[in-house]
């Protein structure tokens, strides 16, 4: 059992922190910008709520962060009353935010300067994966630190892997989002085509999902897409944030991502339709708009 801090109790962080307490059996102190949510979590799980990230991180062996973007991440780690201000030497800062590889490398150096360690550990699996404790976690950092952190991370994961040095976890998450963007657009076009052709989409998917076209997206999203239901899952606003990070990194490393760039624009169209909080499978709604 370790002393753990968790900073950021959004739709992902709230259940992840819960798994660290219940499944992992760790002592957990939480911080959230909206203090009422931290108090609610503490009451529900029997942990402790702190008033600042630094207070939450004090005496913790592992400090987890799951916030919105690079700026939020800097604020709760290196800012005034940030987690690094309270962390003890030898503690490990683990960032589950989907952020840039640049900020990951920045925080690796900042943690090192304070005698601490840093692992960038973005996750895939969405809200359902967080609630069920079956996320995929892609890590970047030093191997010795990763091996110390792995047993703790496994409380909310089904797969945890070290991808390379600091930033490699974020770069792997970018690849994950690149692949998802293309898959969902392909699935949306296939369903749209099938409906226009007068086919029974359920029968079509029952057959093609068992062949080379099969994917998680097809198995788990085709039914709700066919019914025009998009009020769940990973939101379009979040996907656009992630694809913005991907495209910025591509400009730096020279990668050519024509499909990703186009799908990002398509998600912009969905936002213009009022679908900011729709699930990412709502690319079909764009094709079906009148």
C-alpha atoms as a PDB file:
ATOM      1  CA  UNK A   1       0.000   0.000   0.000  1.00  0.00           C
ATOM      2  CA  UNK A   2       1.312   3.426  -0.965  1.00  0.00           C
ATOM      3  CA  UNK A   3       0.411   7.007  -0.131  1.00  0.00           C
ATOM      4  CA  UNK A   4      -1.101   8.371  -3.350  1.00  0.00           C
ATOM      5  CA  UNK A   5      -2.333  11.805  -4.450  1.00  0.00           C
ATOM      6  CA  UNK A   6      -4.742  12.339  -7.347  1.00  0.00           C
ATOM      7  CA  UNK A   7      -5.188  15.774  -8.904  1.00  0.00           C
ATOM      8  CA  UNK A   8      -8.119  16.330 -11.264  1.00  0.00           C
ATOM      9  CA  UNK A   9     -11.446  14.578 -10.696  1.00  0.00           C
ATOM     10  CA  UNK A  10     -13.164  14.888 -14.057  1.00  0.00           C
ATOM     11  CA  UNK A  11     -15.078  12.110 -15.808  1.00  0.00           C
ATOM     12  CA  UNK A  12     -11.831  10.127 -16.075  1.00  0.00           C
ATOM     13  CA  UNK A  13      -9.978  11.093 -12.910  1.00  0.00           C
ATOM     14  CA  UNK A  14     -12.859  10.568 -10.486  1.00  0.00           C
ATOM     15  CA  UNK A  15     -13.233   6.814 -11.112  1.00  0.00           C
ATOM     16  CA  UNK A  16      -9.480   6.314 -11.628  1.00  0.00           C
ATOM     17  CA  UNK A  17      -8.794   7.742  -8.169  1.00  0.00           C
ATOM     18  CA  UNK A  18     -11.536   5.467  -6.848  1.00  0.00           C
ATOM     19  CA  UNK A  19      -9.801   2.386  -8.242  1.00  0.00           C
ATOM     20  CA  UNK A  20      -6.530   3.435  -6.602  1.00  0.00           C
ATOM     21  CA  UNK A  21      -8.351   3.512  -3.258  1.00  0.00           C
ATOM     22  CA  UNK A  22     -10.613   0.479  -3.570  1.00  0.00           C
ATOM     23  CA  UNK A  23      -8.806  -1.912  -5.906  1.00  0.00           C
ATOM     24  CA  UNK A  24      -5.277  -0.753  -5.160  1.00  0.00           C
ATOM     25  CA  UNK A  25      -5.854  -0.400  -1.431  1.00  0.00           C
ATOM     26  CA  UNK A  26      -3.795   2.797  -1.294  1.00  0.00           C
ATOM     27  CA  UNK A  27      -4.200   5.809   0.955  1.00  0.00           C
ATOM     28  CA  UNK A  28      -5.490   8.512  -1.410  1.00  0.00           C
ATOM     29  CA  UNK A  29      -5.597  12.297  -1.070  1.00  0.00           C
ATOM     30  CA  UNK A  30      -7.381  14.187  -3.834  1.00  0.00           C
ATOM     31  CA  UNK A  31      -7.472  17.720  -5.180  1.00  0.00           C
ATOM     32  CA  UNK A  32      -9.936  19.235  -7.622  1.00  0.00           C
ATOM     33  CA  UNK A  33     -10.343  22.835  -8.719  1.00  0.00           C
ATOM     34  CA  UNK A  34     -14.010  22.551  -7.737  1.00  0.00           C
ATOM     35  CA  UNK A  35     -13.580  21.644  -4.083  1.00  0.00           C
ATOM     36  CA  UNK A  36     -17.118  20.251  -3.757  1.00  0.00           C
ATOM     37  CA  UNK A  37     -16.210  17.401  -6.096  1.00  0.00           C
ATOM     38  CA  UNK A  38     -13.107  16.564  -4.052  1.00  0.00           C
ATOM     39  CA  UNK A  39     -15.224  16.524  -0.885  1.00  0.00           C
ATOM     40  CA  UNK A  40     -17.778  14.291  -2.589  1.00  0.00           C
ATOM     41  CA  UNK A  41     -15.041  11.863  -3.688  1.00  0.00           C
ATOM     42  CA  UNK A  42     -13.544  11.783  -0.190  1.00  0.00           C
ATOM     43  CA  UNK A  43     -16.938  11.032   1.331  1.00  0.00           C
ATOM     44  CA  UNK A  44     -17.665   8.318  -1.221  1.00  0.00           C
ATOM     45  CA  UNK A  45     -14.326   6.525  -1.067  1.00  0.00           C
ATOM     46  CA  UNK A  46     -13.042   7.350   2.385  1.00  0.00           C
ATOM     47  CA  UNK A  47     -10.057   9.382   1.245  1.00  0.00           C
ATOM     48  CA  UNK A  48      -8.951  12.917   2.045  1.00  0.00           C
ATOM     49  CA  UNK A  49      -9.550  16.157   0.134  1.00  0.00           C
ATOM     50  CA  UNK A  50      -6.776  18.765  -0.026  1.00  0.00           C
ATOM     51  CA  UNK A  51      -7.091  22.487  -0.673  1.00  0.00           C
ATOM     52  CA  UNK A  52      -4.130  22.764  -3.091  1.00  0.00           C
ATOM     53  CA  UNK A  53      -2.175  20.406  -5.359  1.00  0.00           C
ATOM     54  CA  UNK A  54       0.911  20.937  -3.180  1.00  0.00           C
ATOM     55  CA  UNK A  55      -1.010  19.913  -0.083  1.00  0.00           C
ATOM     56  CA  UNK A  56      -2.364  16.816  -1.823  1.00  0.00           C
ATOM     57  CA  UNK A  57       1.131  15.829  -2.973  1.00  0.00           C
ATOM     58  CA  UNK A  58       2.806  16.285   0.415  1.00  0.00           C
ATOM     59  CA  UNK A  59       4.275  12.980   1.644  1.00  0.00           C
ATOM     60  CA  UNK A  60       2.803  11.078  -1.319  1.00  0.00           C
ATOM     61  CA  UNK A  61       4.847   8.321  -2.952  1.00  0.00           C
ATOM     62  CA  UNK A  62       2.956   8.694  -6.233  1.00  0.00           C
ATOM     63  CA  UNK A  63       1.163  11.802  -7.495  1.00  0.00           C
ATOM     64  CA  UNK A  64      -1.321  11.329 -10.337  1.00  0.00           C
ATOM     65  CA  UNK A  65      -2.612  14.177 -12.499  1.00  0.00           C
ATOM     66  CA  UNK A  66      -5.510  14.082 -14.967  1.00  0.00           C
ATOM     67  CA  UNK A  67      -6.543  17.549 -16.177  1.00  0.00           C
ATOM     68  CA  UNK A  68      -7.580  19.252 -19.409  1.00  0.00           C
ATOM     69  CA  UNK A  69      -4.567  20.490 -21.355  1.00  0.00           C
ATOM     70  CA  UNK A  70      -0.946  21.688 -21.223  1.00  0.00           C
ATOM     71  CA  UNK A  71      -1.774  24.947 -19.444  1.00  0.00           C
ATOM     72  CA  UNK A  72      -3.901  23.204 -16.807  1.00  0.00           C
ATOM     73  CA  UNK A  73      -1.110  20.680 -16.328  1.00  0.00           C
ATOM     74  CA  UNK A  74       1.513  23.364 -15.768  1.00  0.00           C
ATOM     75  CA  UNK A  75      -0.766  25.166 -13.332  1.00  0.00           C
ATOM     76  CA  UNK A  76      -1.273  22.144 -11.062  1.00  0.00           C
ATOM     77  CA  UNK A  77       2.326  20.908 -11.206  1.00  0.00           C
ATOM     78  CA  UNK A  78       4.808  23.784 -11.532  1.00  0.00           C
ATOM     79  CA  UNK A  79       2.515  26.744 -10.766  1.00  0.00           C
ATOM     80  CA  UNK A  80       1.878  28.451  -7.456  1.00  0.00           C
ATOM     81  CA  UNK A  81       0.953  25.739  -4.944  1.00  0.00           C
ATOM     82  CA  UNK A  82       1.575  23.149  -7.685  1.00  0.00           C
ATOM     83  CA  UNK A  83       2.202  19.500  -6.877  1.00  0.00           C
ATOM     84  CA  UNK A  84       5.966  19.707  -7.327  1.00  0.00           C
ATOM     85  CA  UNK A  85       6.101  22.290  -4.554  1.00  0.00           C
ATOM     86  CA  UNK A  86       4.869  19.654  -2.102  1.00  0.00           C
ATOM     87  CA  UNK A  87       6.431  16.449  -3.403  1.00  0.00           C
ATOM     88  CA  UNK A  88       9.119  14.719  -1.392  1.00  0.00           C
ATOM     89  CA  UNK A  89      12.404  13.581  -3.006  1.00  0.00           C
ATOM     90  CA  UNK A  90      12.011  10.212  -4.688  1.00  0.00           C
ATOM     91  CA  UNK A  91       8.279  10.594  -5.299  1.00  0.00           C
ATOM     92  CA  UNK A  92       6.952   9.921  -8.797  1.00  0.00           C
ATOM     93  CA  UNK A  93       4.654  12.294 -10.701  1.00  0.00           C
ATOM     94  CA  UNK A  94       2.417  10.393 -13.150  1.00  0.00           C
ATOM     95  CA  UNK A  95       0.477  12.426 -15.694  1.00  0.00           C
ATOM     96  CA  UNK A  96      -2.629  10.818 -17.214  1.00  0.00           C
ATOM     97  CA  UNK A  97      -3.590  13.971 -19.138  1.00  0.00           C
ATOM     98  CA  UNK A  98      -3.557  13.796 -22.928  1.00  0.00           C
ATOM     99  CA  UNK A  99      -1.075  16.591 -23.512  1.00  0.00           C
ATOM    100  CA  UNK A 100       1.876  17.475 -25.747  1.00  0.00           C
ATOM    101  CA  UNK A 101       5.160  15.582 -25.764  1.00  0.00           C
ATOM    102  CA  UNK A 102       6.797  18.969 -25.229  1.00  0.00           C
ATOM    103  CA  UNK A 103       5.168  19.550 -21.838  1.00  0.00           C
ATOM    104  CA  UNK A 104       5.952  15.962 -20.844  1.00  0.00           C
ATOM    105  CA  UNK A 105       9.668  16.548 -21.414  1.00  0.00           C
ATOM    106  CA  UNK A 106       9.394  19.878 -19.602  1.00  0.00           C
ATOM    107  CA  UNK A 107       7.849  18.252 -16.526  1.00  0.00           C
ATOM    108  CA  UNK A 108      10.368  15.412 -16.609  1.00  0.00           C
ATOM    109  CA  UNK A 109      13.155  17.972 -16.212  1.00  0.00           C
ATOM    110  CA  UNK A 110      11.233  19.969 -13.588  1.00  0.00           C
ATOM    111  CA  UNK A 111      10.632  16.850 -11.503  1.00  0.00           C
ATOM    112  CA  UNK A 112      14.241  15.753 -11.852  1.00  0.00           C
ATOM    113  CA  UNK A 113      15.439  19.157 -10.623  1.00  0.00           C
ATOM    114  CA  UNK A 114      13.483  18.586  -7.394  1.00  0.00           C
ATOM    115  CA  UNK A 115      14.805  15.068  -6.876  1.00  0.00           C
ATOM    116  CA  UNK A 116      11.554  13.501  -8.107  1.00  0.00           C
ATOM    117  CA  UNK A 117      10.617  11.427 -11.156  1.00  0.00           C
ATOM    118  CA  UNK A 118       8.065  11.918 -13.919  1.00  0.00           C
ATOM    119  CA  UNK A 119       6.121   9.564 -16.172  1.00  0.00           C
ATOM    120  CA  UNK A 120       3.790  10.751 -18.917  1.00  0.00           C
ATOM    121  CA  UNK A 121       0.984   8.186 -18.944  1.00  0.00           C
ATOM    122  CA  UNK A 122      -1.959   9.181 -21.178  1.00  0.00           C
ATOM    123  CA  UNK A 123      -4.812   6.690 -21.306  1.00  0.00           C
ATOM    124  CA  UNK A 124      -7.193   5.209 -23.850  1.00  0.00           C
ATOM    125  CA  UNK A 125     -10.536   3.570 -23.186  1.00  0.00           C
ATOM    126  CA  UNK A 126     -12.775   6.544 -22.486  1.00  0.00           C
ATOM    127  CA  UNK A 127     -15.130   7.103 -19.586  1.00  0.00           C
ATOM    128  CA  UNK A 128     -16.321   3.485 -19.596  1.00  0.00           C
ATOM    129  CA  UNK A 129     -12.735   2.252 -19.424  1.00  0.00           C
ATOM    130  CA  UNK A 130     -12.028   4.541 -16.490  1.00  0.00           C
ATOM    131  CA  UNK A 131     -15.164   3.472 -14.634  1.00  0.00           C
ATOM    132  CA  UNK A 132     -14.444  -0.219 -15.190  1.00  0.00           C
ATOM    133  CA  UNK A 133     -10.710   0.068 -14.460  1.00  0.00           C
ATOM    134  CA  UNK A 134      -9.664  -1.308 -17.855  1.00  0.00           C
ATOM    135  CA  UNK A 135      -7.777   1.589 -19.442  1.00  0.00           C
ATOM    136  CA  UNK A 136      -4.785   1.224 -21.736  1.00  0.00           C
ATOM    137  CA  UNK A 137      -1.897   3.316 -20.387  1.00  0.00           C
ATOM    138  CA  UNK A 138       0.964   4.474 -22.628  1.00  0.00           C
ATOM    139  CA  UNK A 139       3.997   5.591 -20.636  1.00  0.00           C
ATOM    140  CA  UNK A 140       7.149   7.605 -21.237  1.00  0.00           C
ATOM    141  CA  UNK A 141      10.007   7.960 -18.762  1.00  0.00           C
ATOM    142  CA  UNK A 142      12.868   6.086 -17.133  1.00  0.00           C
ATOM    143  CA  UNK A 143      12.471   2.324 -16.873  1.00  0.00           C
ATOM    144  CA  UNK A 144      13.282   2.103 -13.149  1.00  0.00           C
ATOM    145  CA  UNK A 145      10.614   4.696 -12.320  1.00  0.00           C
ATOM    146  CA  UNK A 146       8.129   2.937 -14.601  1.00  0.00           C
ATOM    147  CA  UNK A 147       8.669  -0.395 -12.857  1.00  0.00           C
ATOM    148  CA  UNK A 148       8.013   1.234  -9.480  1.00  0.00           C
ATOM    149  CA  UNK A 149       4.849   2.899 -10.745  1.00  0.00           C
ATOM    150  CA  UNK A 150       3.439   0.032 -12.821  1.00  0.00           C
ATOM    151  CA  UNK A 151       1.840  -1.934  -9.931  1.00  0.00           C
ATOM    152  CA  UNK A 152       0.056   1.226  -8.750  1.00  0.00           C
ATOM    153  CA  UNK A 153      -1.122   2.226 -12.249  1.00  0.00           C
ATOM    154  CA  UNK A 154      -2.505  -1.285 -12.782  1.00  0.00           C
ATOM    155  CA  UNK A 155      -5.328  -0.494 -10.336  1.00  0.00           C
ATOM    156  CA  UNK A 156      -7.177   1.270 -13.178  1.00  0.00           C
ATOM    157  CA  UNK A 157      -5.653  -0.434 -16.236  1.00  0.00           C
ATOM    158  CA  UNK A 158      -5.748  -3.635 -18.230  1.00  0.00           C
ATOM    159  CA  UNK A 159      -2.631  -2.748 -20.249  1.00  0.00           C
ATOM    160  CA  UNK A 160       0.357  -0.660 -19.135  1.00  0.00           C
ATOM    161  CA  UNK A 161       3.395  -0.258 -21.365  1.00  0.00           C
ATOM    162  CA  UNK A 162       6.604   1.790 -21.417  1.00  0.00           C
ATOM    163  CA  UNK A 163       6.986   3.301 -24.882  1.00  0.00           C
ATOM    164  CA  UNK A 164      10.335   5.027 -24.399  1.00  0.00           C
ATOM    165  CA  UNK A 165      11.814   8.162 -22.865  1.00  0.00           C
ATOM    166  CA  UNK A 166       9.796  11.117 -21.522  1.00  0.00           C
ATOM    167  CA  UNK A 167       7.211  12.181 -24.115  1.00  0.00           C
ATOM    168  CA  UNK A 168       6.956   8.747 -25.728  1.00  0.00           C
ATOM    169  CA  UNK A 169       3.681   8.029 -23.956  1.00  0.00           C
ATOM    170  CA  UNK A 170       2.114  11.192 -25.355  1.00  0.00           C
ATOM    171  CA  UNK A 171       3.437  10.432 -28.839  1.00  0.00           C
ATOM    172  CA  UNK A 172       1.899   6.951 -28.651  1.00  0.00           C
ATOM    173  CA  UNK A 173      -1.438   8.459 -27.597  1.00  0.00           C
ATOM    174  CA  UNK A 174      -1.230  10.717 -30.652  1.00  0.00           C
ATOM    175  CA  UNK A 175      -0.897   7.632 -32.868  1.00  0.00           C
ATOM    176  CA  UNK A 176      -3.898   6.138 -31.079  1.00  0.00           C
ATOM    177  CA  UNK A 177      -5.992   9.213 -31.954  1.00  0.00           C
ATOM    178  CA  UNK A 178      -4.744   9.278 -35.548  1.00  0.00           C
ATOM    179  CA  UNK A 179      -5.905   5.686 -36.006  1.00  0.00           C
ATOM    180  CA  UNK A 180      -9.262   6.274 -34.324  1.00  0.00           C
ATOM    181  CA  UNK A 181     -10.007   9.358 -36.453  1.00  0.00           C
ATOM    182  CA  UNK A 182      -9.576   7.437 -39.694  1.00  0.00           C
ATOM    183  CA  UNK A 183     -11.478   4.407 -38.417  1.00  0.00           C
ATOM    184  CA  UNK A 184     -14.525   6.380 -37.284  1.00  0.00           C
ATOM    185  CA  UNK A 185     -14.729   8.323 -40.545  1.00  0.00           C
ATOM    186  CA  UNK A 186     -14.490   5.077 -42.518  1.00  0.00           C
ATOM    187  CA  UNK A 187     -17.206   3.494 -40.362  1.00  0.00           C
ATOM    188  CA  UNK A 188     -19.423   6.568 -40.735  1.00  0.00           C
ATOM    189  CA  UNK A 189     -19.070   6.493 -44.511  1.00  0.00           C
ATOM    190  CA  UNK A 190     -19.743   2.733 -44.631  1.00  0.00           C
ATOM    191  CA  UNK A 191     -22.938   3.028 -42.581  1.00  0.00           C
ATOM    192  CA  UNK A 192     -24.043   6.068 -44.602  1.00  0.00           C
ATOM    193  CA  UNK A 193     -23.442   4.218 -47.861  1.00  0.00           C
ATOM    194  CA  UNK A 194     -25.260   1.107 -46.621  1.00  0.00           C
ATOM    195  CA  UNK A 195     -28.317   3.074 -45.545  1.00  0.00           C
ATOM    196  CA  UNK A 196     -28.487   4.878 -48.879  1.00  0.00           C
ATOM    197  CA  UNK A 197     -28.205   1.500 -50.623  1.00  0.00           C
ATOM    198  CA  UNK A 198     -31.174   0.214 -48.641  1.00  0.00           C
ATOM    199  CA  UNK A 199     -29.264  -2.472 -46.743  1.00  0.00           C
ATOM    200  CA  UNK A 200     -29.935  -3.736 -43.214  1.00  0.00           C
ATOM    201  CA  UNK A 201     -26.978  -2.237 -41.326  1.00  0.00           C
ATOM    202  CA  UNK A 202     -27.216  -4.746 -38.475  1.00  0.00           C
ATOM    203  CA  UNK A 203     -26.952  -7.647 -40.919  1.00  0.00           C
ATOM    204  CA  UNK A 204     -24.107  -5.967 -42.795  1.00  0.00           C
ATOM    205  CA  UNK A 205     -22.076  -5.353 -39.649  1.00  0.00           C
ATOM    206  CA  UNK A 206     -22.766  -8.856 -38.337  1.00  0.00           C
ATOM    207  CA  UNK A 207     -20.957 -10.184 -41.393  1.00  0.00           C
ATOM    208  CA  UNK A 208     -18.179  -7.677 -42.083  1.00  0.00           C
ATOM    209  CA  UNK A 209     -17.202  -7.253 -38.411  1.00  0.00           C
ATOM    210  CA  UNK A 210     -15.925 -10.844 -38.511  1.00  0.00           C
ATOM    211  CA  UNK A 211     -13.602 -10.037 -41.408  1.00  0.00           C
ATOM    212  CA  UNK A 212     -10.783  -7.621 -42.171  1.00  0.00           C
ATOM    213  CA  UNK A 213     -13.037  -4.563 -41.691  1.00  0.00           C
ATOM    214  CA  UNK A 214     -13.755  -5.409 -38.047  1.00  0.00           C
ATOM    215  CA  UNK A 215     -12.684  -3.029 -35.273  1.00  0.00           C
ATOM    216  CA  UNK A 216     -13.564  -1.969 -31.733  1.00  0.00           C
ATOM    217  CA  UNK A 217     -15.339   1.051 -33.161  1.00  0.00           C
ATOM    218  CA  UNK A 218     -17.476  -1.131 -35.410  1.00  0.00           C
ATOM    219  CA  UNK A 219     -18.380  -3.574 -32.642  1.00  0.00           C
ATOM    220  CA  UNK A 220     -19.161  -0.913 -30.037  1.00  0.00           C
ATOM    221  CA  UNK A 221     -20.469   2.069 -32.011  1.00  0.00           C
ATOM    222  CA  UNK A 222     -22.264   0.851 -35.152  1.00  0.00           C
ATOM    223  CA  UNK A 223     -25.613   0.297 -33.413  1.00  0.00           C
ATOM    224  CA  UNK A 224     -25.852   3.732 -31.791  1.00  0.00           C
ATOM    225  CA  UNK A 225     -24.552   5.389 -34.951  1.00  0.00           C
ATOM    226  CA  UNK A 226     -27.228   3.643 -37.000  1.00  0.00           C
ATOM    227  CA  UNK A 227     -29.843   4.878 -34.495  1.00  0.00           C
ATOM    228  CA  UNK A 228     -28.480   8.444 -34.538  1.00  0.00           C
ATOM    229  CA  UNK A 229     -27.569   8.407 -30.826  1.00  0.00           C
ATOM    230  CA  UNK A 230     -24.404  10.288 -29.915  1.00  0.00           C
ATOM    231  CA  UNK A 231     -24.985  11.409 -26.331  1.00  0.00           C
ATOM    232  CA  UNK A 232     -22.270   9.322 -24.663  1.00  0.00           C
ATOM    233  CA  UNK A 233     -18.576   8.465 -24.850  1.00  0.00           C
ATOM    234  CA  UNK A 234     -15.595  10.575 -25.867  1.00  0.00           C
ATOM    235  CA  UNK A 235     -16.755  14.082 -26.784  1.00  0.00           C
ATOM    236  CA  UNK A 236     -16.015  15.843 -30.070  1.00  0.00           C
ATOM    237  CA  UNK A 237     -14.502  18.812 -28.184  1.00  0.00           C
ATOM    238  CA  UNK A 238     -11.986  16.467 -26.550  1.00  0.00           C
ATOM    239  CA  UNK A 239     -11.136  14.796 -29.839  1.00  0.00           C
ATOM    240  CA  UNK A 240     -10.503  18.153 -31.499  1.00  0.00           C
ATOM    241  CA  UNK A 241      -8.187  19.082 -28.640  1.00  0.00           C
ATOM    242  CA  UNK A 242      -6.289  15.831 -29.117  1.00  0.00           C
ATOM    243  CA  UNK A 243      -6.101  16.167 -32.895  1.00  0.00           C
ATOM    244  CA  UNK A 244      -4.829  19.726 -32.456  1.00  0.00           C
ATOM    245  CA  UNK A 245      -1.943  18.297 -30.413  1.00  0.00           C
ATOM    246  CA  UNK A 246      -1.347  15.650 -33.083  1.00  0.00           C
ATOM    247  CA  UNK A 247      -1.255  18.142 -35.955  1.00  0.00           C
ATOM    248  CA  UNK A 248       1.035  20.523 -34.043  1.00  0.00           C
ATOM    249  CA  UNK A 249       3.469  17.658 -33.409  1.00  0.00           C
ATOM    250  CA  UNK A 250       3.278  16.654 -37.077  1.00  0.00           C
ATOM    251  CA  UNK A 251       4.279  20.175 -38.083  1.00  0.00           C
ATOM    252  CA  UNK A 252       7.319  19.813 -35.820  1.00  0.00           C
ATOM    253  CA  UNK A 253       8.431  16.368 -36.953  1.00  0.00           C
ATOM    254  CA  UNK A 254       7.452  16.631 -40.611  1.00  0.00           C
ATOM    255  CA  UNK A 255       4.887  13.806 -40.618  1.00  0.00           C
ATOM    256  CA  UNK A 256       2.222  14.033 -43.326  1.00  0.00           C
ATOM    257  CA  UNK A 257      -1.276  13.381 -41.973  1.00  0.00           C
ATOM    258  CA  UNK A 258      -3.754  14.249 -44.736  1.00  0.00           C
ATOM    259  CA  UNK A 259      -6.601  12.042 -43.470  1.00  0.00           C
ATOM    260  CA  UNK A 260      -6.201  13.214 -39.878  1.00  0.00           C
ATOM    261  CA  UNK A 261      -6.241  16.860 -40.973  1.00  0.00           C
ATOM    262  CA  UNK A 262      -9.425  16.364 -42.989  1.00  0.00           C
ATOM    263  CA  UNK A 263     -11.200  14.448 -40.211  1.00  0.00           C
ATOM    264  CA  UNK A 264     -10.266  17.225 -37.784  1.00  0.00           C
ATOM    265  CA  UNK A 265     -12.061  19.658 -40.107  1.00  0.00           C
ATOM    266  CA  UNK A 266     -15.042  17.296 -40.220  1.00  0.00           C
ATOM    267  CA  UNK A 267     -15.204  17.382 -36.417  1.00  0.00           C
ATOM    268  CA  UNK A 268     -15.195  21.167 -36.729  1.00  0.00           C
ATOM    269  CA  UNK A 269     -18.313  20.824 -38.872  1.00  0.00           C
ATOM    270  CA  UNK A 270     -19.920  18.679 -36.150  1.00  0.00           C
ATOM    271  CA  UNK A 271     -19.152  21.407 -33.618  1.00  0.00           C
ATOM    272  CA  UNK A 272     -20.840  23.919 -35.925  1.00  0.00           C
ATOM    273  CA  UNK A 273     -23.883  21.626 -35.866  1.00  0.00           C
ATOM    274  CA  UNK A 274     -23.982  21.946 -32.064  1.00  0.00           C
ATOM    275  CA  UNK A 275     -22.346  18.574 -31.485  1.00  0.00           C
ATOM    276  CA  UNK A 276     -19.522  19.707 -29.187  1.00  0.00           C
ATOM    277  CA  UNK A 277     -20.439  17.135 -26.543  1.00  0.00           C
ATOM    278  CA  UNK A 278     -21.585  14.421 -28.927  1.00  0.00           C
ATOM    279  CA  UNK A 279     -19.595  11.210 -29.071  1.00  0.00           C
ATOM    280  CA  UNK A 280     -16.861  11.065 -31.737  1.00  0.00           C
ATOM    281  CA  UNK A 281     -18.966   8.604 -33.744  1.00  0.00           C
ATOM    282  CA  UNK A 282     -21.147  11.606 -34.657  1.00  0.00           C
ATOM    283  CA  UNK A 283     -19.160  11.981 -37.869  1.00  0.00           C
ATOM    284  CA  UNK A 284     -22.103  10.106 -39.355  1.00  0.00           C
ATOM    285  CA  UNK A 285     -24.446  12.959 -38.353  1.00  0.00           C
ATOM    286  CA  UNK A 286     -22.356  15.266 -40.539  1.00  0.00           C
ATOM    287  CA  UNK A 287     -22.893  13.002 -43.553  1.00  0.00           C
ATOM    288  CA  UNK A 288     -26.625  12.740 -42.877  1.00  0.00           C
ATOM    289  CA  UNK A 289     -27.361  16.418 -42.263  1.00  0.00           C
ATOM    290  CA  UNK A 290     -29.988  17.867 -44.550  1.00  0.00           C
END
